[in-house]
Amino acid sequence: MDLKPWLNALAQALQLPEGAPSDHAMRTLLSLARDAAHEVERPAAPLTTFLVGVAVGRGATLDAAAGTATSLLMDYLEPPTET
């Protein structure tokens, strides 16, 4: 099965009235998953996107939640500065 039909079927089975994610949402989540997998470790990808999804379910926008995760990831990767 291709991605879009799968996501549409899953959204329907999960009774999500908004349906499958938009192209923008998919790009945002896939970019975040890629960064988490490469910069932390592979299992971080689905778990990071899950937590972002929980935040969205609680009222955050996807862009804000993904931005927070990306900022935290960049801070986490940044070596401490010596003073």
C-alpha atoms as a PDB file:
ATOM      1  CA  MET A   1       0.000   0.000   0.000  1.00  0.00           C
ATOM      2  CA  ASP A   2       1.218   3.501  -0.733  1.00  0.00           C
ATOM      3  CA  LEU A   3       1.700   6.095   1.993  1.00  0.00           C
ATOM      4  CA  LYS A   4      -1.334   8.349   1.382  1.00  0.00           C
ATOM      5  CA  PRO A   5      -3.880   5.500   1.163  1.00  0.00           C
ATOM      6  CA  TRP A   6      -2.365   3.953   4.286  1.00  0.00           C
ATOM      7  CA  LEU A   7      -2.586   7.228   6.227  1.00  0.00           C
ATOM      8  CA  ASN A   8      -6.148   7.821   5.045  1.00  0.00           C
ATOM      9  CA  ALA A   9      -7.159   4.297   6.080  1.00  0.00           C
ATOM     10  CA  LEU A  10      -5.441   4.662   9.452  1.00  0.00           C
ATOM     11  CA  ALA A  11      -7.004   8.066  10.127  1.00  0.00           C
ATOM     12  CA  GLN A  12     -10.421   6.620   9.333  1.00  0.00           C
ATOM     13  CA  ALA A  13      -9.838   3.541  11.520  1.00  0.00           C
ATOM     14  CA  LEU A  14      -8.703   5.785  14.380  1.00  0.00           C
ATOM     15  CA  GLN A  15     -11.786   7.955  13.845  1.00  0.00           C
ATOM     16  CA  LEU A  16      -9.765  11.115  13.289  1.00  0.00           C
ATOM     17  CA  PRO A  17     -12.187  13.667  11.847  1.00  0.00           C
ATOM     18  CA  GLU A  18      -9.339  15.751  10.397  1.00  0.00           C
ATOM     19  CA  GLY A  19      -8.170  12.781   8.333  1.00  0.00           C
ATOM     20  CA  ALA A  20      -4.628  12.064   7.224  1.00  0.00           C
ATOM     21  CA  PRO A  21      -1.884  14.626   7.816  1.00  0.00           C
ATOM     22  CA  SER A  22      -1.394  17.363   5.245  1.00  0.00           C
ATOM     23  CA  ASP A  23       1.685  17.418   3.040  1.00  0.00           C
ATOM     24  CA  HIS A  24       3.127  20.169   5.271  1.00  0.00           C
ATOM     25  CA  ALA A  25       2.514  18.091   8.404  1.00  0.00           C
ATOM     26  CA  MET A  26       4.122  15.030   6.829  1.00  0.00           C
ATOM     27  CA  ARG A  27       7.210  17.015   5.785  1.00  0.00           C
ATOM     28  CA  THR A  28       7.485  18.522   9.284  1.00  0.00           C
ATOM     29  CA  LEU A  29       7.177  15.165  11.055  1.00  0.00           C
ATOM     30  CA  LEU A  30       9.492  13.331   8.666  1.00  0.00           C
ATOM     31  CA  SER A  31      12.165  16.024   9.030  1.00  0.00           C
ATOM     32  CA  LEU A  32      11.875  15.888  12.792  1.00  0.00           C
ATOM     33  CA  ALA A  33      12.045  12.081  12.765  1.00  0.00           C
ATOM     34  CA  ARG A  34      15.130  12.168  10.536  1.00  0.00           C
ATOM     35  CA  ASP A  35      16.913  14.638  12.792  1.00  0.00           C
ATOM     36  CA  ALA A  36      16.055  12.720  15.954  1.00  0.00           C
ATOM     37  CA  ALA A  37      17.146   9.404  14.429  1.00  0.00           C
ATOM     38  CA  HIS A  38      20.445  10.769  13.164  1.00  0.00           C
ATOM     39  CA  GLU A  39      21.371  13.047  16.036  1.00  0.00           C
ATOM     40  CA  VAL A  40      20.154  11.005  19.020  1.00  0.00           C
ATOM     41  CA  GLU A  41      19.570   7.400  17.993  1.00  0.00           C
ATOM     42  CA  ARG A  42      17.152   5.604  15.705  1.00  0.00           C
ATOM     43  CA  PRO A  43      14.482   4.824  18.319  1.00  0.00           C
ATOM     44  CA  ALA A  44      14.243   8.559  19.028  1.00  0.00           C
ATOM     45  CA  ALA A  45      12.480   9.104  15.689  1.00  0.00           C
ATOM     46  CA  PRO A  46       9.100   7.476  16.385  1.00  0.00           C
ATOM     47  CA  LEU A  47       9.181   8.392  20.063  1.00  0.00           C
ATOM     48  CA  THR A  48       9.914  12.062  19.338  1.00  0.00           C
ATOM     49  CA  THR A  49       7.136  12.301  16.774  1.00  0.00           C
ATOM     50  CA  PHE A  50       4.785  10.520  19.197  1.00  0.00           C
ATOM     51  CA  LEU A  51       5.492  13.086  21.922  1.00  0.00           C
ATOM     52  CA  VAL A  52       4.991  15.925  19.441  1.00  0.00           C
ATOM     53  CA  GLY A  53       1.680  14.310  18.502  1.00  0.00           C
ATOM     54  CA  VAL A  54       0.645  14.176  22.155  1.00  0.00           C
ATOM     55  CA  ALA A  55       1.446  17.890  22.470  1.00  0.00           C
ATOM     56  CA  VAL A  56      -0.655  18.611  19.371  1.00  0.00           C
ATOM     57  CA  GLY A  57      -3.480  16.541  20.800  1.00  0.00           C
ATOM     58  CA  ARG A  58      -3.334  18.701  23.913  1.00  0.00           C
ATOM     59  CA  GLY A  59      -3.681  21.892  21.899  1.00  0.00           C
ATOM     60  CA  ALA A  60      -0.237  22.893  20.616  1.00  0.00           C
ATOM     61  CA  THR A  61       0.181  23.572  16.932  1.00  0.00           C
ATOM     62  CA  LEU A  62       2.329  21.127  15.009  1.00  0.00           C
ATOM     63  CA  ASP A  63       4.749  23.866  13.994  1.00  0.00           C
ATOM     64  CA  ALA A  64       5.165  25.040  17.605  1.00  0.00           C
ATOM     65  CA  ALA A  65       5.608  21.529  19.024  1.00  0.00           C
ATOM     66  CA  ALA A  66       8.030  20.497  16.264  1.00  0.00           C
ATOM     67  CA  GLY A  67       9.911  23.774  16.709  1.00  0.00           C
ATOM     68  CA  THR A  68      10.285  23.123  20.422  1.00  0.00           C
ATOM     69  CA  ALA A  69      11.573  19.606  19.744  1.00  0.00           C
ATOM     70  CA  THR A  70      14.014  20.878  17.113  1.00  0.00           C
ATOM     71  CA  SER A  71      15.288  23.637  19.415  1.00  0.00           C
ATOM     72  CA  LEU A  72      15.787  21.155  22.229  1.00  0.00           C
ATOM     73  CA  LEU A  73      17.569  18.800  19.863  1.00  0.00           C
ATOM     74  CA  MET A  74      19.916  21.583  18.726  1.00  0.00           C
ATOM     75  CA  ASP A  75      20.589  22.604  22.350  1.00  0.00           C
ATOM     76  CA  TYR A  76      21.186  18.972  23.262  1.00  0.00           C
ATOM     77  CA  LEU A  77      23.728  18.592  20.452  1.00  0.00           C
ATOM     78  CA  GLU A  78      25.508  21.869  21.029  1.00  0.00           C
ATOM     79  CA  PRO A  79      28.732  21.307  22.951  1.00  0.00           C
ATOM     80  CA  PRO A  80      28.961  23.333  26.162  1.00  0.00           C
ATOM     81  CA  THR A  81      30.913  26.547  25.815  1.00  0.00           C
ATOM     82  CA  GLU A  82      33.917  27.017  28.014  1.00  0.00           C
ATOM     83  CA  THR A  83      34.101  30.183  30.056  1.00  0.00           C
END
